[in-house]
Every structure is written in C-alpha cells, then in structure tokens.
Amino acid sequence: MLRAWLNYWLGWLLFLAGLGLAVSGLVKWLILPGGGRGGFRGEEAVFIFARHTWTEIHQWLAVVIMVLVVLHIYLHWNWIATMSRQIFGRKRL
C-alpha cells in the first residue's frame, strides 16, 4: 500500500514540476523579451517576476524533475529489468 501511495504522489509531483517547467519556459520565451535590459526605457522586463527569477525557477524545476525521475526509475527498477529481459532476452527469428 505504501508503494502505491508513493507512486501516486510521485506521479503528481512529476506532473506539477513538468507543468511548472513548461510555464516558466513559455514565459521566458514568449512573454518576456530577450535577456538583459531590453524592456521599455531600459527597465527590466517583468511578468509577475523579473526575467532572472523566471530563469532560476526554470532551472530549479529542472533539478527537481531530474531527482524525481531518478526516484521513479529506482522504484520501478524491478519492472524495468523484467521487461528488458522479456523483450531482449528472446531470440528473434
């Protein structure tokens, strides 16, 4: 039961972190102009946060996703190994 609970919440965390990564990337790409002080009258462009803050959010979410993916692989390693043996262990004609 604990493993099912952990898999459930891990899935949600991966989804939310991926959604946050996508949103922060889209904000940097589509809403905020290029890096530096390219805004109106030389002021830094801001959409809720400044561009550099969006960059930090984006980078930290990427780190969170990497950690969650490693945990996901660890929790599913037996399944991965079993499926790999079934798929690649057979000789194909």
N, C-alpha and C. Protein backbone atom coordinates (compact mmCIF):
# COMPACT_ATOMS: atom_id res chain seq x y z
N MET A 1 0.82 -1.20 0.00
CA MET A 1 0.00 0.00 0.00
C MET A 1 0.86 1.26 0.00
N LEU A 2 1.95 1.22 0.77
CA LEU A 2 2.85 2.37 0.83
C LEU A 2 3.46 2.66 -0.54
N ARG A 3 3.81 1.60 -1.26
CA ARG A 3 4.42 1.76 -2.58
C ARG A 3 3.43 2.40 -3.56
N ALA A 4 2.18 1.97 -3.52
CA ALA A 4 1.16 2.56 -4.39
C ALA A 4 0.95 4.03 -4.05
N TRP A 5 0.91 4.35 -2.79
CA TRP A 5 0.75 5.74 -2.35
C TRP A 5 1.93 6.58 -2.83
N LEU A 6 3.14 6.03 -2.68
CA LEU A 6 4.34 6.74 -3.11
C LEU A 6 4.34 6.96 -4.63
N ASN A 7 3.97 5.94 -5.39
CA ASN A 7 3.89 6.07 -6.85
C ASN A 7 2.86 7.11 -7.27
N TYR A 8 1.74 7.13 -6.58
CA TYR A 8 0.68 8.10 -6.89
C TYR A 8 1.19 9.53 -6.71
N TRP A 9 1.78 9.81 -5.56
CA TRP A 9 2.25 11.17 -5.29
C TRP A 9 3.48 11.54 -6.13
N LEU A 10 4.31 10.56 -6.41
CA LEU A 10 5.45 10.82 -7.29
C LEU A 10 4.96 11.22 -8.68
N GLY A 11 3.93 10.55 -9.17
CA GLY A 11 3.35 10.91 -10.46
C GLY A 11 2.81 12.33 -10.47
N TRP A 12 2.10 12.69 -9.42
CA TRP A 12 1.58 14.06 -9.33
C TRP A 12 2.69 15.10 -9.25
N LEU A 13 3.73 14.80 -8.47
CA LEU A 13 4.85 15.74 -8.36
C LEU A 13 5.55 15.91 -9.69
N LEU A 14 5.74 14.81 -10.42
CA LEU A 14 6.35 14.90 -11.75
C LEU A 14 5.48 15.74 -12.69
N PHE A 15 4.17 15.52 -12.65
CA PHE A 15 3.27 16.30 -13.49
C PHE A 15 3.33 17.79 -13.15
N LEU A 16 3.24 18.12 -11.87
CA LEU A 16 3.25 19.53 -11.47
C LEU A 16 4.59 20.21 -11.77
N ALA A 17 5.69 19.50 -11.53
CA ALA A 17 7.00 20.07 -11.84
C ALA A 17 7.16 20.26 -13.35
N GLY A 18 6.67 19.30 -14.13
CA GLY A 18 6.73 19.43 -15.59
C GLY A 18 5.87 20.58 -16.08
N LEU A 19 4.70 20.75 -15.50
CA LEU A 19 3.84 21.87 -15.86
C LEU A 19 4.51 23.20 -15.51
N GLY A 20 5.11 23.27 -14.33
CA GLY A 20 5.82 24.49 -13.94
C GLY A 20 7.00 24.77 -14.85
N LEU A 21 7.71 23.74 -15.25
CA LEU A 21 8.84 23.90 -16.17
C LEU A 21 8.35 24.43 -17.51
N ALA A 22 7.24 23.89 -18.00
CA ALA A 22 6.68 24.34 -19.27
C ALA A 22 6.22 25.80 -19.18
N VAL A 23 5.54 26.16 -18.11
CA VAL A 23 5.04 27.53 -17.94
C VAL A 23 6.21 28.51 -17.84
N SER A 24 7.20 28.19 -17.03
CA SER A 24 8.33 29.11 -16.88
C SER A 24 9.10 29.25 -18.19
N GLY A 25 9.22 28.17 -18.95
CA GLY A 25 9.88 28.25 -20.24
C GLY A 25 9.10 29.09 -21.23
N LEU A 26 7.77 28.93 -21.25
CA LEU A 26 6.94 29.73 -22.15
C LEU A 26 6.95 31.20 -21.78
N VAL A 27 6.95 31.50 -20.49
CA VAL A 27 7.01 32.91 -20.06
C VAL A 27 8.32 33.54 -20.53
N LYS A 28 9.42 32.82 -20.34
CA LYS A 28 10.72 33.36 -20.77
C LYS A 28 10.78 33.52 -22.28
N TRP A 29 10.17 32.60 -23.01
CA TRP A 29 10.28 32.59 -24.46
C TRP A 29 9.30 33.54 -25.13
N LEU A 30 8.04 33.53 -24.69
CA LEU A 30 7.00 34.26 -25.40
C LEU A 30 6.60 35.59 -24.78
N ILE A 31 6.67 35.71 -23.47
CA ILE A 31 6.15 36.91 -22.81
C ILE A 31 7.24 37.94 -22.55
N LEU A 32 8.37 37.48 -22.04
CA LEU A 32 9.45 38.42 -21.71
C LEU A 32 10.39 38.56 -22.90
N PRO A 33 10.83 39.76 -23.18
CA PRO A 33 11.78 39.93 -24.29
C PRO A 33 13.13 39.30 -23.94
N GLY A 34 14.05 39.29 -24.91
CA GLY A 34 15.38 38.70 -24.70
C GLY A 34 16.04 39.19 -23.43
N GLY A 35 17.04 38.46 -22.99
CA GLY A 35 17.72 38.77 -21.74
C GLY A 35 18.28 40.18 -21.68
N GLY A 36 18.72 40.56 -20.54
CA GLY A 36 19.29 41.89 -20.36
C GLY A 36 18.22 42.93 -20.07
N ARG A 37 18.55 44.17 -20.32
CA ARG A 37 17.61 45.26 -20.05
C ARG A 37 16.96 45.71 -21.35
N GLY A 38 16.22 44.78 -21.99
CA GLY A 38 15.62 45.10 -23.27
C GLY A 38 14.21 45.64 -23.16
N GLY A 39 13.76 45.97 -21.97
CA GLY A 39 12.39 46.41 -21.78
C GLY A 39 12.20 47.87 -22.13
N PHE A 40 11.04 48.38 -21.82
CA PHE A 40 10.66 49.75 -22.09
C PHE A 40 11.54 50.71 -21.31
N ARG A 41 12.14 51.69 -22.00
CA ARG A 41 13.01 52.72 -21.40
C ARG A 41 14.17 52.11 -20.61
N GLY A 42 14.64 50.97 -21.03
CA GLY A 42 15.79 50.36 -20.39
C GLY A 42 15.48 49.67 -19.07
N GLU A 43 14.20 49.61 -18.71
CA GLU A 43 13.83 48.93 -17.47
C GLU A 43 13.74 47.44 -17.72
N GLU A 44 14.00 46.68 -16.67
CA GLU A 44 13.96 45.23 -16.79
C GLU A 44 12.51 44.77 -17.01
N ALA A 45 12.34 43.81 -17.93
CA ALA A 45 11.02 43.28 -18.21
C ALA A 45 10.54 42.44 -17.04
N VAL A 46 9.26 42.61 -16.69
CA VAL A 46 8.71 41.90 -15.54
C VAL A 46 7.34 41.34 -15.93
N PHE A 47 7.11 40.08 -15.64
CA PHE A 47 5.80 39.46 -15.72
C PHE A 47 5.67 38.63 -14.45
N ILE A 48 5.00 39.16 -13.47
CA ILE A 48 4.89 38.61 -12.12
C ILE A 48 6.25 38.64 -11.42
N PHE A 49 7.26 38.04 -12.04
CA PHE A 49 8.63 38.09 -11.54
C PHE A 49 9.52 38.66 -12.65
N ALA A 50 10.73 39.06 -12.26
CA ALA A 50 11.71 39.51 -13.24
C ALA A 50 12.23 38.30 -14.03
N ARG A 51 12.83 38.58 -15.19
CA ARG A 51 13.30 37.51 -16.06
C ARG A 51 14.31 36.59 -15.35
N HIS A 52 15.22 37.17 -14.57
CA HIS A 52 16.22 36.33 -13.90
C HIS A 52 15.56 35.41 -12.87
N THR A 53 14.47 35.85 -12.25
CA THR A 53 13.75 35.00 -11.30
C THR A 53 13.08 33.84 -12.04
N TRP A 54 12.51 34.12 -13.23
CA TRP A 54 11.93 33.04 -14.04
C TRP A 54 13.00 32.04 -14.44
N THR A 55 14.20 32.54 -14.73
CA THR A 55 15.29 31.63 -15.09
C THR A 55 15.64 30.73 -13.92
N GLU A 56 15.71 31.28 -12.72
CA GLU A 56 16.02 30.46 -11.54
C GLU A 56 14.92 29.45 -11.26
N ILE A 57 13.66 29.86 -11.38
CA ILE A 57 12.54 28.93 -11.20
C ILE A 57 12.66 27.79 -12.19
N HIS A 58 12.93 28.13 -13.45
CA HIS A 58 13.05 27.13 -14.52
C HIS A 58 14.19 26.14 -14.23
N GLN A 59 15.32 26.66 -13.80
CA GLN A 59 16.47 25.80 -13.51
C GLN A 59 16.21 24.89 -12.31
N TRP A 60 15.62 25.42 -11.26
CA TRP A 60 15.35 24.59 -10.07
C TRP A 60 14.29 23.54 -10.35
N LEU A 61 13.30 23.88 -11.16
CA LEU A 61 12.30 22.88 -11.52
C LEU A 61 12.93 21.76 -12.35
N ALA A 62 13.90 22.09 -13.18
CA ALA A 62 14.61 21.07 -13.95
C ALA A 62 15.37 20.13 -13.01
N VAL A 63 15.99 20.66 -11.98
CA VAL A 63 16.69 19.83 -10.99
C VAL A 63 15.70 18.94 -10.25
N VAL A 64 14.56 19.49 -9.86
CA VAL A 64 13.53 18.72 -9.16
C VAL A 64 13.06 17.56 -10.04
N ILE A 65 12.83 17.82 -11.32
CA ILE A 65 12.38 16.77 -12.23
C ILE A 65 13.45 15.68 -12.36
N MET A 66 14.71 16.07 -12.47
CA MET A 66 15.77 15.06 -12.57
C MET A 66 15.78 14.16 -11.33
N VAL A 67 15.64 14.73 -10.15
CA VAL A 67 15.63 13.94 -8.91
C VAL A 67 14.41 13.02 -8.89
N LEU A 68 13.25 13.55 -9.28
CA LEU A 68 12.04 12.74 -9.28
C LEU A 68 12.11 11.61 -10.30
N VAL A 69 12.72 11.85 -11.45
CA VAL A 69 12.86 10.79 -12.46
C VAL A 69 13.79 9.70 -11.94
N VAL A 70 14.88 10.07 -11.29
CA VAL A 70 15.78 9.07 -10.72
C VAL A 70 15.04 8.24 -9.67
N LEU A 71 14.25 8.88 -8.82
CA LEU A 71 13.45 8.16 -7.82
C LEU A 71 12.43 7.25 -8.51
N HIS A 72 11.81 7.73 -9.56
CA HIS A 72 10.84 6.93 -10.32
C HIS A 72 11.50 5.68 -10.90
N ILE A 73 12.68 5.84 -11.49
CA ILE A 73 13.41 4.69 -12.05
C ILE A 73 13.78 3.72 -10.93
N TYR A 74 14.23 4.24 -9.80
CA TYR A 74 14.58 3.38 -8.66
C TYR A 74 13.38 2.55 -8.19
N LEU A 75 12.23 3.20 -8.07
CA LEU A 75 11.04 2.50 -7.59
C LEU A 75 10.52 1.46 -8.59
N HIS A 76 10.81 1.66 -9.88
CA HIS A 76 10.30 0.76 -10.92
C HIS A 76 11.40 -0.13 -11.51
N TRP A 77 12.53 -0.22 -10.84
CA TRP A 77 13.67 -0.93 -11.42
C TRP A 77 13.36 -2.41 -11.68
N ASN A 78 12.67 -3.08 -10.77
CA ASN A 78 12.34 -4.49 -10.99
C ASN A 78 11.49 -4.67 -12.24
N TRP A 79 10.52 -3.80 -12.43
CA TRP A 79 9.67 -3.87 -13.63
C TRP A 79 10.50 -3.62 -14.88
N ILE A 80 11.39 -2.62 -14.84
CA ILE A 80 12.24 -2.31 -16.00
C ILE A 80 13.13 -3.50 -16.34
N ALA A 81 13.74 -4.11 -15.31
CA ALA A 81 14.62 -5.26 -15.55
C ALA A 81 13.85 -6.45 -16.10
N THR A 82 12.67 -6.72 -15.54
CA THR A 82 11.86 -7.84 -16.01
C THR A 82 11.42 -7.65 -17.45
N MET A 83 10.94 -6.46 -17.78
CA MET A 83 10.50 -6.18 -19.15
C MET A 83 11.67 -6.23 -20.12
N SER A 84 12.82 -5.75 -19.72
CA SER A 84 14.00 -5.79 -20.59
C SER A 84 14.41 -7.23 -20.87
N ARG A 85 14.36 -8.08 -19.84
CA ARG A 85 14.68 -9.50 -20.06
C ARG A 85 13.67 -10.15 -20.99
N GLN A 86 12.40 -9.81 -20.83
CA GLN A 86 11.37 -10.40 -21.69
C GLN A 86 11.51 -9.93 -23.14
N ILE A 87 11.83 -8.68 -23.33
CA ILE A 87 11.90 -8.13 -24.69
C ILE A 87 13.21 -8.52 -25.36
N PHE A 88 14.32 -8.35 -24.68
CA PHE A 88 15.63 -8.55 -25.31
C PHE A 88 16.23 -9.92 -25.03
N GLY A 89 15.64 -10.69 -24.13
CA GLY A 89 16.18 -11.99 -23.78
C GLY A 89 15.83 -13.07 -24.79
N ARG A 90 14.75 -12.87 -25.52
CA ARG A 90 14.33 -13.84 -26.52
C ARG A 90 15.13 -13.69 -27.80
N LYS A 91 15.34 -14.80 -28.48
CA LYS A 91 15.98 -14.73 -29.78
C LYS A 91 14.89 -14.53 -30.82
N ARG A 92 15.12 -13.57 -31.68
CA ARG A 92 14.15 -13.28 -32.72
C ARG A 92 14.51 -14.03 -33.98
N LEU A 93 13.51 -14.48 -34.70
CA LEU A 93 13.74 -15.21 -35.95
C LEU A 93 13.83 -14.26 -37.11
